[in-house]
N, C-alpha and C. Protein backbone atom coordinates (compact mmCIF):
# COMPACT_ATOMS: atom_id res chain seq x y z
N MET A 1 1.01 -1.76 -0.49
CA MET A 1 0.29 0.05 -0.11
C MET A 1 0.90 0.93 0.00
N SER A 2 0.64 1.96 -0.97
CA SER A 2 1.52 3.57 -1.20
C SER A 2 1.11 4.27 -0.09
N LYS A 3 1.83 4.72 0.72
CA LYS A 3 2.24 5.55 2.07
C LYS A 3 2.89 7.09 1.43
N LYS A 4 2.24 7.89 2.34
CA LYS A 4 2.93 9.15 1.98
C LYS A 4 4.12 9.98 2.89
N ILE A 5 4.53 10.28 2.46
CA ILE A 5 6.10 10.28 3.46
C ILE A 5 6.83 11.86 3.44
N LEU A 6 6.98 12.79 4.36
CA LEU A 6 7.22 13.95 4.28
C LEU A 6 8.95 13.76 4.47
N MET A 7 9.78 14.59 3.79
CA MET A 7 11.28 13.95 4.32
C MET A 7 11.20 15.87 4.54
N ILE A 8 12.07 16.21 5.36
CA ILE A 8 12.26 17.83 5.63
C ILE A 8 14.24 17.68 5.42
N THR A 9 14.01 18.54 5.04
CA THR A 9 15.71 18.98 4.55
C THR A 9 16.23 20.06 4.49
N GLY A 10 17.34 20.50 3.66
CA GLY A 10 18.09 21.86 4.02
C GLY A 10 19.21 21.81 3.09
N ASP A 11 19.13 22.97 3.06
CA ASP A 11 20.83 23.39 2.40
C ASP A 11 22.44 22.68 3.53
N PHE A 12 22.91 21.85 2.13
CA PHE A 12 24.30 21.09 2.83
C PHE A 12 23.23 20.09 3.41
N THR A 13 22.62 19.86 2.78
CA THR A 13 22.21 17.95 3.14
C THR A 13 22.90 16.77 2.82
N GLU A 14 23.04 15.99 3.09
CA GLU A 14 24.30 14.82 2.67
C GLU A 14 23.70 14.29 1.17
N ASP A 15 23.97 14.20 -0.13
CA ASP A 15 23.50 14.05 -0.91
C ASP A 15 22.82 12.85 -1.35
N TYR A 16 23.95 12.07 -0.93
CA TYR A 16 23.40 10.46 -0.78
C TYR A 16 22.15 10.17 0.24
N GLU A 17 22.09 10.55 0.74
CA GLU A 17 21.13 10.87 1.97
C GLU A 17 19.57 11.59 1.81
N THR A 18 19.79 12.15 0.94
CA THR A 18 19.06 12.87 0.22
C THR A 18 18.51 12.07 -0.92
N MET A 19 19.15 11.79 -1.85
CA MET A 19 18.96 11.02 -3.02
C MET A 19 18.20 9.87 -3.43
N VAL A 20 19.10 8.97 -2.33
CA VAL A 20 18.58 7.64 -2.21
C VAL A 20 17.06 7.40 -1.73
N PRO A 21 17.14 7.57 -0.48
CA PRO A 21 15.72 7.18 -0.25
C PRO A 21 14.77 8.18 -0.50
N PHE A 22 14.92 9.85 -1.44
CA PHE A 22 13.74 10.12 -2.13
C PHE A 22 13.56 8.84 -3.15
N GLN A 23 14.39 8.93 -3.76
CA GLN A 23 14.43 7.86 -5.36
C GLN A 23 13.61 6.75 -5.10
N ALA A 24 14.50 6.01 -3.99
CA ALA A 24 14.27 4.58 -3.59
C ALA A 24 12.77 4.58 -3.04
N LEU A 25 12.21 5.16 -2.42
CA LEU A 25 10.91 5.11 -1.61
C LEU A 25 9.58 5.39 -3.08
N GLN A 26 9.91 6.33 -4.01
CA GLN A 26 9.57 6.47 -5.03
C GLN A 26 8.88 5.15 -5.91
N ALA A 27 10.52 4.66 -6.51
CA ALA A 27 10.88 3.31 -6.69
C ALA A 27 9.42 2.45 -6.49
N VAL A 28 9.39 2.44 -5.30
CA VAL A 28 8.57 1.05 -4.85
C VAL A 28 6.94 1.45 -3.95
N GLY A 29 6.43 2.72 -4.84
CA GLY A 29 5.18 3.18 -5.32
C GLY A 29 4.81 4.23 -4.34
N HIS A 30 5.74 4.85 -2.51
CA HIS A 30 5.05 5.61 -1.93
C HIS A 30 5.27 6.96 -2.72
N GLN A 31 4.63 8.13 -2.02
CA GLN A 31 4.48 9.85 -2.78
C GLN A 31 5.83 10.16 -1.35
N VAL A 32 6.88 11.15 -1.59
CA VAL A 32 7.52 11.58 -0.94
C VAL A 32 7.55 13.30 -1.13
N ASP A 33 7.26 13.74 -0.29
CA ASP A 33 7.56 15.20 -0.50
C ASP A 33 8.14 15.88 0.30
N ALA A 34 9.24 16.52 -0.13
CA ALA A 34 10.53 16.94 0.37
C ALA A 34 10.34 18.54 -0.02
N VAL A 35 10.68 18.79 1.81
CA VAL A 35 10.49 20.13 1.97
C VAL A 35 11.46 21.03 2.57
N CYS A 36 11.68 22.47 2.71
CA CYS A 36 13.07 23.23 3.80
C CYS A 36 12.12 24.28 3.49
N PRO A 37 12.31 24.62 4.77
CA PRO A 37 11.89 25.84 5.55
C PRO A 37 12.26 27.04 4.53
N ASP A 38 11.43 28.11 4.64
CA ASP A 38 11.63 29.26 3.25
C ASP A 38 11.26 29.01 2.04
N LYS A 39 11.62 27.97 1.53
CA LYS A 39 11.72 26.95 0.37
C LYS A 39 9.93 26.87 0.27
N ARG A 40 10.05 26.87 -1.50
CA ARG A 40 8.66 26.59 -2.39
C ARG A 40 9.12 25.35 -3.39
N ALA A 41 7.80 24.52 -3.24
CA ALA A 41 8.10 23.27 -4.55
C ALA A 41 9.04 24.23 -5.62
N GLY A 42 9.81 23.82 -6.19
CA GLY A 42 10.76 23.78 -7.26
C GLY A 42 12.17 23.96 -7.03
N ASP A 43 12.26 25.36 -5.86
CA ASP A 43 13.49 25.35 -5.59
C ASP A 43 14.20 24.74 -5.54
N SER A 44 15.49 24.93 -4.99
CA SER A 44 16.62 23.60 -4.83
C SER A 44 17.19 23.85 -3.37
N VAL A 45 17.93 22.98 -3.08
CA VAL A 45 18.82 23.31 -1.71
C VAL A 45 20.07 22.72 -2.51
N ALA A 46 21.42 22.88 -1.77
CA ALA A 46 22.55 22.30 -1.98
C ALA A 46 23.11 21.47 -1.28
N THR A 47 23.33 19.98 -1.41
CA THR A 47 24.04 18.95 -1.38
C THR A 47 25.47 18.98 -0.82
N ALA A 48 26.07 18.03 0.18
CA ALA A 48 27.48 18.11 -0.06
C ALA A 48 27.78 16.28 0.26
N ILE A 49 28.61 15.55 -0.67
CA ILE A 49 29.17 14.56 -0.68
C ILE A 49 30.11 14.06 0.50
N HIS A 50 29.75 13.54 1.10
CA HIS A 50 30.56 13.41 2.83
C HIS A 50 30.96 11.66 2.48
N ASP A 51 32.37 11.41 2.66
CA ASP A 51 32.84 10.46 2.20
C ASP A 51 34.12 10.31 3.28
N PHE A 52 34.13 9.01 3.28
CA PHE A 52 35.08 8.31 4.64
C PHE A 52 36.26 8.15 4.35
N GLU A 53 37.68 9.33 4.00
CA GLU A 53 39.40 8.69 3.09
C GLU A 53 39.90 8.15 4.36
N GLY A 54 39.78 8.44 5.69
CA GLY A 54 40.73 8.28 6.13
C GLY A 54 41.20 8.61 7.38
N ASP A 55 40.38 10.31 7.26
CA ASP A 55 40.63 11.08 8.45
C ASP A 55 40.03 11.28 9.69
N GLN A 56 40.28 12.15 10.16
CA GLN A 56 39.50 12.11 11.45
C GLN A 56 38.23 12.26 11.49
N THR A 57 37.59 12.62 10.88
CA THR A 57 36.41 13.01 10.46
C THR A 57 35.88 12.91 8.68
N TYR A 58 35.07 12.96 7.91
CA TYR A 58 34.36 12.88 6.54
C TYR A 58 34.63 14.24 5.82
N SER A 59 35.45 13.82 4.76
CA SER A 59 35.90 14.57 3.87
C SER A 59 34.19 15.37 3.49
N GLU A 60 34.35 16.61 2.85
CA GLU A 60 32.91 17.17 2.14
C GLU A 60 33.47 18.05 0.87
N LYS A 61 32.83 17.51 -0.19
CA LYS A 61 32.81 17.80 -1.25
C LYS A 61 31.39 18.17 -1.94
N PRO A 62 31.52 19.35 -2.93
CA PRO A 62 29.79 19.88 -3.44
C PRO A 62 29.19 18.21 -3.88
N GLY A 63 28.24 18.61 -3.69
CA GLY A 63 26.95 17.90 -4.51
C GLY A 63 26.05 18.30 -5.33
N HIS A 64 25.12 17.56 -5.72
CA HIS A 64 24.02 17.92 -7.07
C HIS A 64 23.10 18.81 -5.93
N ARG A 65 22.52 19.71 -6.64
CA ARG A 65 21.32 20.71 -6.38
C ARG A 65 19.80 19.70 -6.31
N PHE A 66 19.01 19.79 -4.99
CA PHE A 66 18.72 18.72 -4.97
C PHE A 66 17.12 19.67 -5.12
N THR A 67 15.98 19.24 -6.01
CA THR A 67 15.03 20.27 -6.35
C THR A 67 14.00 19.84 -5.13
N LEU A 68 13.98 20.99 -4.69
CA LEU A 68 11.99 20.62 -3.27
C LEU A 68 10.72 20.16 -4.88
N ASN A 69 9.89 19.54 -4.02
CA ASN A 69 9.01 19.13 -4.67
C ASN A 69 7.43 19.57 -3.76
N ALA A 70 7.60 19.81 -2.94
CA ALA A 70 6.64 20.57 -2.09
C ALA A 70 7.11 21.78 -1.22
N SER A 71 5.89 22.54 -0.70
CA SER A 71 6.38 24.36 -0.38
C SER A 71 6.56 23.69 1.27
N PHE A 72 7.15 24.06 1.90
CA PHE A 72 7.45 24.16 3.44
C PHE A 72 6.25 24.66 3.92
N ASP A 73 5.44 25.97 3.67
CA ASP A 73 4.49 26.48 4.63
C ASP A 73 3.67 25.88 4.50
N GLN A 74 3.36 24.89 3.26
CA GLN A 74 1.81 24.31 3.01
C GLN A 74 1.81 23.00 3.56
N ILE A 75 2.79 22.62 4.42
CA ILE A 75 2.51 20.79 4.88
C ILE A 75 1.98 20.92 6.34
N ASP A 76 1.25 20.07 6.52
CA ASP A 76 0.56 19.58 7.41
C ASP A 76 0.98 18.12 7.40
N PRO A 77 1.75 18.35 9.02
CA PRO A 77 2.12 16.58 9.23
C PRO A 77 1.09 15.69 9.41
N ALA A 78 0.20 15.73 9.95
CA ALA A 78 -1.13 15.17 10.23
C ALA A 78 -1.54 14.53 8.70
N LEU A 79 -1.56 15.05 7.23
CA LEU A 79 -1.74 14.14 6.55
C LEU A 79 -0.76 13.54 6.07
N TYR A 80 0.75 12.92 6.68
CA TYR A 80 1.41 11.84 6.11
C TYR A 80 1.54 11.07 7.03
N ASP A 81 2.42 9.43 6.56
CA ASP A 81 2.28 8.63 7.08
C ASP A 81 3.72 8.43 7.83
N ALA A 82 5.02 9.12 7.44
CA ALA A 82 6.01 8.37 7.46
C ALA A 82 6.83 10.03 7.37
N LEU A 83 7.79 9.87 8.20
CA LEU A 83 9.06 10.91 8.39
C LEU A 83 10.24 10.50 7.63
N VAL A 84 10.75 11.00 7.08
CA VAL A 84 12.40 11.00 6.14
C VAL A 84 13.57 12.08 6.86
N ILE A 85 14.20 12.27 8.03
CA ILE A 85 15.18 13.07 7.99
C ILE A 85 16.59 12.68 7.99
N PRO A 86 16.94 13.35 6.39
CA PRO A 86 18.92 13.61 6.18
C PRO A 86 19.60 13.63 6.95
N GLY A 87 21.28 13.58 6.51
CA GLY A 87 22.08 13.72 7.49
C GLY A 87 22.74 14.94 6.99
N GLY A 88 23.89 15.09 7.12
CA GLY A 88 24.80 16.17 6.61
C GLY A 88 25.01 17.48 7.53
N ARG A 89 24.66 18.64 7.33
CA ARG A 89 24.73 19.45 7.77
C ARG A 89 23.43 20.16 8.22
N ALA A 90 22.84 20.11 7.31
CA ALA A 90 21.16 20.39 7.37
C ALA A 90 20.30 20.69 9.04
N PRO A 91 20.75 19.45 9.07
CA PRO A 91 19.78 19.41 10.65
C PRO A 91 20.55 19.96 11.80
N GLU A 92 21.40 20.62 11.84
CA GLU A 92 22.51 21.57 12.49
C GLU A 92 21.56 23.10 12.62
N TYR A 93 20.89 23.17 11.28
CA TYR A 93 19.88 24.64 11.54
C TYR A 93 18.40 24.29 11.72
N LEU A 94 18.32 22.97 11.04
CA LEU A 94 16.91 22.96 10.99
C LEU A 94 16.14 22.78 12.63
N ARG A 95 17.15 22.54 13.63
CA ARG A 95 16.82 22.26 14.67
C ARG A 95 16.70 23.57 14.85
N LEU A 96 16.87 24.57 14.46
CA LEU A 96 16.68 25.59 15.33
C LEU A 96 15.35 26.59 14.55
N ASN A 97 14.63 25.51 13.88
CA ASN A 97 13.21 26.07 13.52
C ASN A 97 12.17 25.51 14.33
N PRO A 98 11.46 26.28 14.87
CA PRO A 98 10.18 25.92 16.02
C PRO A 98 9.31 25.19 14.97
N ARG A 99 8.98 25.34 13.84
CA ARG A 99 8.25 24.96 12.98
C ARG A 99 8.75 23.02 12.65
N VAL A 100 9.98 23.36 12.42
CA VAL A 100 10.38 21.81 12.15
C VAL A 100 10.63 21.06 13.12
N ILE A 101 10.56 21.59 14.28
CA ILE A 101 10.59 20.63 15.80
C ILE A 101 9.02 20.52 15.95
N GLU A 102 7.98 21.02 15.88
CA GLU A 102 7.14 20.53 15.57
C GLU A 102 6.39 19.44 15.09
N MET A 103 6.70 19.70 14.03
CA MET A 103 6.36 18.45 12.91
C MET A 103 7.12 17.07 12.96
N VAL A 104 8.57 17.16 13.94
CA VAL A 104 9.58 15.87 14.17
C VAL A 104 8.06 15.47 15.27
N ARG A 105 8.16 16.50 16.47
CA ARG A 105 7.25 15.98 17.37
C ARG A 105 5.81 15.34 17.08
N HIS A 106 5.06 15.87 16.40
CA HIS A 106 4.24 15.23 15.94
C HIS A 106 3.94 13.52 15.28
N PHE A 107 5.12 13.32 14.59
CA PHE A 107 5.58 12.13 13.94
C PHE A 107 5.74 10.87 15.46
N PHE A 108 6.28 11.42 16.49
CA PHE A 108 6.73 10.72 17.26
C PHE A 108 5.26 10.54 18.35
N THR A 109 4.57 11.86 18.37
CA THR A 109 3.25 11.90 19.46
C THR A 109 2.14 10.99 18.66
N ALA A 110 2.30 10.56 17.08
CA ALA A 110 1.21 9.98 16.77
C ALA A 110 1.83 8.28 16.40
N ASN A 111 2.61 8.45 16.47
CA ASN A 111 3.85 6.59 16.42
C ASN A 111 3.69 6.55 14.71
N LYS A 112 4.11 7.66 14.18
CA LYS A 112 4.65 7.36 13.20
C LYS A 112 5.64 6.96 12.61
N PRO A 113 6.05 6.46 11.84
CA PRO A 113 7.53 6.07 11.37
C PRO A 113 8.24 6.95 11.06
N VAL A 114 9.72 7.31 11.90
CA VAL A 114 10.49 8.18 11.06
C VAL A 114 11.87 7.32 10.99
N ALA A 115 12.45 7.63 9.81
CA ALA A 115 13.92 7.16 9.49
C ALA A 115 14.50 8.60 9.88
N ALA A 116 15.48 8.48 10.29
CA ALA A 116 16.71 9.88 9.87
C ALA A 116 18.16 8.61 10.06
N ILE A 117 19.16 9.70 9.70
CA ILE A 117 20.49 9.24 9.57
C ILE A 117 21.72 10.10 9.29
N CYS A 118 22.54 9.41 10.06
CA CYS A 118 23.78 10.55 10.28
C CYS A 118 23.38 11.45 11.34
N HIS A 119 23.39 13.10 10.43
CA HIS A 119 23.64 13.91 11.36
C HIS A 119 21.98 14.12 11.60
N GLY A 120 21.24 13.27 11.53
CA GLY A 120 20.04 13.69 11.16
C GLY A 120 19.21 13.60 12.72
N ALA A 121 19.80 12.80 13.61
CA ALA A 121 19.89 12.44 15.42
C ALA A 121 19.75 13.86 15.92
N GLN A 122 20.65 14.99 15.37
CA GLN A 122 21.00 16.63 16.09
C GLN A 122 19.04 16.65 16.04
N LEU A 123 18.16 16.76 14.69
CA LEU A 123 16.88 17.13 14.69
C LEU A 123 15.89 16.63 15.88
N LEU A 124 16.85 15.27 15.83
CA LEU A 124 15.97 13.90 17.07
C LEU A 124 15.79 14.71 18.58
N ALA A 125 17.63 15.29 18.80
CA ALA A 125 18.01 15.41 20.03
C ALA A 125 17.19 17.05 20.35
N ALA A 126 16.86 17.78 19.32
CA ALA A 126 16.39 18.94 19.57
C ALA A 126 14.88 18.88 19.78
N ALA A 127 14.14 18.27 19.42
CA ALA A 127 12.45 17.99 19.24
C ALA A 127 12.77 17.22 20.49
N ASP A 128 13.06 16.50 21.28
CA ASP A 128 13.04 16.07 22.80
C ASP A 128 12.78 14.78 22.48
N VAL A 129 13.08 13.80 21.53
CA VAL A 129 11.67 12.68 21.45
C VAL A 129 13.04 11.12 21.84
N LEU A 130 13.95 11.47 22.06
CA LEU A 130 14.98 10.59 21.88
C LEU A 130 14.96 9.84 23.32
N GLU A 131 14.47 10.46 24.58
CA GLU A 131 14.06 9.69 25.86
C GLU A 131 13.96 8.44 25.73
N GLY A 132 15.38 7.46 26.51
CA GLY A 132 14.28 5.61 26.72
C GLY A 132 14.48 5.18 24.70
N ARG A 133 15.29 5.82 23.83
CA ARG A 133 15.29 5.71 22.68
C ARG A 133 16.38 4.80 22.64
N ARG A 134 16.34 3.78 21.49
CA ARG A 134 18.14 3.10 21.19
C ARG A 134 18.03 4.19 19.68
N CYS A 135 19.29 4.68 19.69
CA CYS A 135 19.39 5.80 18.23
C CYS A 135 20.64 5.68 18.02
N SER A 136 21.05 5.30 16.62
CA SER A 136 22.14 5.13 15.93
C SER A 136 22.84 6.50 15.09
N ALA A 137 23.93 6.86 14.83
CA ALA A 137 24.26 8.24 14.29
C ALA A 137 25.43 8.13 13.65
N TYR A 138 25.90 9.53 12.98
CA TYR A 138 27.15 9.61 13.27
C TYR A 138 27.74 9.93 14.53
N PRO A 139 29.13 8.93 14.96
CA PRO A 139 29.30 9.20 15.95
C PRO A 139 29.38 10.34 16.69
N ALA A 140 29.55 11.63 16.10
CA ALA A 140 29.57 12.87 16.24
C ALA A 140 28.92 13.20 16.89
N CYS A 141 27.85 12.60 16.45
CA CYS A 141 26.48 12.81 17.37
C CYS A 141 26.16 12.32 18.20
N ALA A 142 27.13 11.11 18.60
CA ALA A 142 26.50 10.35 19.78
C ALA A 142 26.51 11.24 21.14
N PRO A 143 26.87 12.32 21.58
CA PRO A 143 26.82 13.47 22.45
C PRO A 143 25.57 13.85 22.96
N GLU A 144 24.82 13.75 21.34
CA GLU A 144 23.62 14.68 21.94
C GLU A 144 22.37 13.40 21.75
N VAL A 145 22.92 12.51 21.40
CA VAL A 145 21.97 11.54 21.85
C VAL A 145 21.87 10.75 23.16
N LYS A 146 22.53 10.86 23.82
CA LYS A 146 23.22 10.70 25.10
C LYS A 146 22.63 11.74 26.27
N LEU A 147 22.89 12.99 26.18
CA LEU A 147 22.61 13.97 26.78
C LEU A 147 21.30 14.24 26.35
N SER A 148 20.42 13.61 25.26
CA SER A 148 18.48 14.09 25.19
C SER A 148 18.07 12.48 25.90
N GLY A 149 18.78 11.59 26.55
CA GLY A 149 17.88 10.73 26.88
C GLY A 149 18.05 9.57 26.48
N GLY A 150 18.90 9.36 25.49
CA GLY A 150 18.44 7.94 24.12
C GLY A 150 19.59 7.42 24.44
N GLU A 151 19.65 6.25 24.31
CA GLU A 151 20.81 5.22 24.19
C GLU A 151 21.61 5.14 22.79
N TYR A 152 22.99 5.78 22.82
CA TYR A 152 23.80 5.99 21.52
C TYR A 152 23.90 4.44 21.21
N ALA A 153 23.31 4.21 19.66
CA ALA A 153 24.07 2.38 19.55
C ALA A 153 25.01 2.47 18.13
N GLU A 154 26.32 2.37 18.93
CA GLU A 154 26.93 2.09 18.24
C GLU A 154 27.49 0.68 17.58
N ILE A 155 27.26 1.22 16.09
CA ILE A 155 26.96 -0.06 15.07
C ILE A 155 27.88 -0.10 14.19
N GLU A 156 27.78 -0.68 13.04
CA GLU A 156 28.88 -1.10 11.84
C GLU A 156 28.32 0.64 11.11
N VAL A 157 28.84 0.73 10.02
CA VAL A 157 28.55 2.31 9.57
C VAL A 157 27.70 1.89 8.09
N ASP A 158 27.37 0.16 8.22
CA ASP A 158 26.68 -0.36 7.42
C ASP A 158 25.48 -0.67 7.57
N GLN A 159 25.19 -0.52 8.98
CA GLN A 159 24.06 -0.94 9.46
C GLN A 159 23.33 0.11 9.99
N ALA A 160 21.89 -0.20 10.63
CA ALA A 160 20.57 0.20 10.95
C ALA A 160 19.95 -0.33 12.16
N VAL A 161 19.42 0.43 13.07
CA VAL A 161 18.48 0.23 14.26
C VAL A 161 17.06 0.49 13.98
N THR A 162 16.18 -0.15 14.68
CA THR A 162 15.05 -0.23 15.21
C THR A 162 14.55 -0.32 16.51
N ASP A 163 13.85 1.01 17.00
CA ASP A 163 13.49 1.38 17.89
C ASP A 163 12.00 1.43 17.90
N GLY A 164 10.89 0.86 18.33
CA GLY A 164 9.68 1.22 18.05
C GLY A 164 9.44 1.49 16.85
N ASN A 165 8.78 2.86 16.82
CA ASN A 165 8.79 3.85 15.59
C ASN A 165 9.89 4.28 14.62
N LEU A 166 10.92 4.14 14.78
CA LEU A 166 12.18 4.93 14.58
C LEU A 166 13.51 4.38 14.05
N VAL A 167 13.84 4.37 13.15
CA VAL A 167 15.18 3.80 12.46
C VAL A 167 15.84 4.80 11.95
N THR A 168 17.22 4.12 13.05
CA THR A 168 18.51 5.22 12.47
C THR A 168 19.78 4.16 12.03
N ALA A 169 20.46 5.41 11.17
CA ALA A 169 21.87 4.96 10.86
C ALA A 169 22.86 6.03 11.20
N PRO A 170 24.08 5.09 10.71
CA PRO A 170 25.28 5.90 11.36
C PRO A 170 25.90 7.11 9.64
N ALA A 171 25.54 6.44 8.82
CA ALA A 171 25.63 7.14 7.26
C ALA A 171 25.39 6.46 6.44
N TRP A 172 25.61 6.76 5.45
CA TRP A 172 24.56 6.79 3.85
C TRP A 172 25.16 4.75 3.17
N PRO A 173 26.59 4.12 3.93
CA PRO A 173 26.70 3.06 3.85
C PRO A 173 25.64 1.98 4.12
N ALA A 174 25.10 3.02 5.05
CA ALA A 174 23.88 1.78 5.80
C ALA A 174 22.49 2.00 4.71
N HIS A 175 22.41 2.51 3.83
CA HIS A 175 21.22 2.46 3.06
C HIS A 175 20.69 1.35 2.87
N PRO A 176 21.10 0.05 2.57
CA PRO A 176 19.80 -1.27 2.30
C PRO A 176 19.73 -1.57 3.67
N ALA A 177 20.45 -1.60 4.87
CA ALA A 177 19.58 -2.09 5.91
C ALA A 177 18.39 -1.27 6.63
N TRP A 178 18.96 0.39 6.74
CA TRP A 178 18.46 1.48 7.13
C TRP A 178 16.99 1.63 6.08
N LEU A 179 16.81 1.20 4.88
CA LEU A 179 15.62 1.03 4.08
C LEU A 179 14.68 0.28 3.84
N ALA A 180 15.65 -0.98 4.43
CA ALA A 180 15.05 -1.84 4.53
C ALA A 180 14.08 -1.87 5.78
N GLN A 181 14.64 -1.65 7.27
CA GLN A 181 14.01 -1.42 8.28
C GLN A 181 12.51 -0.59 8.23
N PHE A 182 13.30 0.83 7.41
CA PHE A 182 11.96 1.98 7.24
C PHE A 182 11.20 0.89 6.40
N MET A 183 11.16 0.61 5.40
CA MET A 183 9.82 0.04 4.03
C MET A 183 9.64 -1.15 5.24
N ALA A 184 10.14 -2.00 6.44
CA ALA A 184 9.36 -2.99 7.08
C ALA A 184 8.11 -2.00 8.20
N LEU A 185 8.61 -1.29 8.36
CA LEU A 185 7.81 -0.35 9.54
C LEU A 185 6.43 0.16 8.53
N LEU A 186 6.60 0.86 7.43
CA LEU A 186 5.99 1.19 6.32
C LEU A 186 4.95 0.27 6.16
N ASN A 187 5.56 -0.86 6.27
CA ASN A 187 4.69 -1.96 5.68
C ASN A 187 3.82 -2.25 6.48
N GLY A 188 4.35 -2.64 8.06
CA GLY A 188 4.07 -3.58 9.22
C GLY A 188 2.24 -2.90 9.56
């Protein structure tokens, strides 16, 4: 059964963590509406490609422009079945937007499926929805997960973890596991 999925993203979202779920979820028949605060359908956001090249942290290179297909100011989260939060640097500023925080909280209050990857945990922590939950993220986000009352799941970069309605993963190499677990929640 087709679901209506909201993706909240922004400038400097991680390219793969935005493009891959957006396209993969559409490929299996779901409607995915990608939005960004202060932007409308047809606007685009900058993406960044993060890679793991042996340095202390990921490297960052310019990615593609990602075109939004819905307008942020017209979104009613009650009309959506699930939420996707890509990583990258976008969650760092998205967590400062009260409307974004309200939207994220809606999905937890209503117990709808949520998939967050990489730095998406910053947005979950800011929305105060991690208390007592097991959550994976990019390792640099572990302190935020713990400080918000969550249990940081230290898993391999290509793995994902599900806790109730929440599916999380450390980074884009986990797409197969992360998307499979999210789709299981969507179909459950």
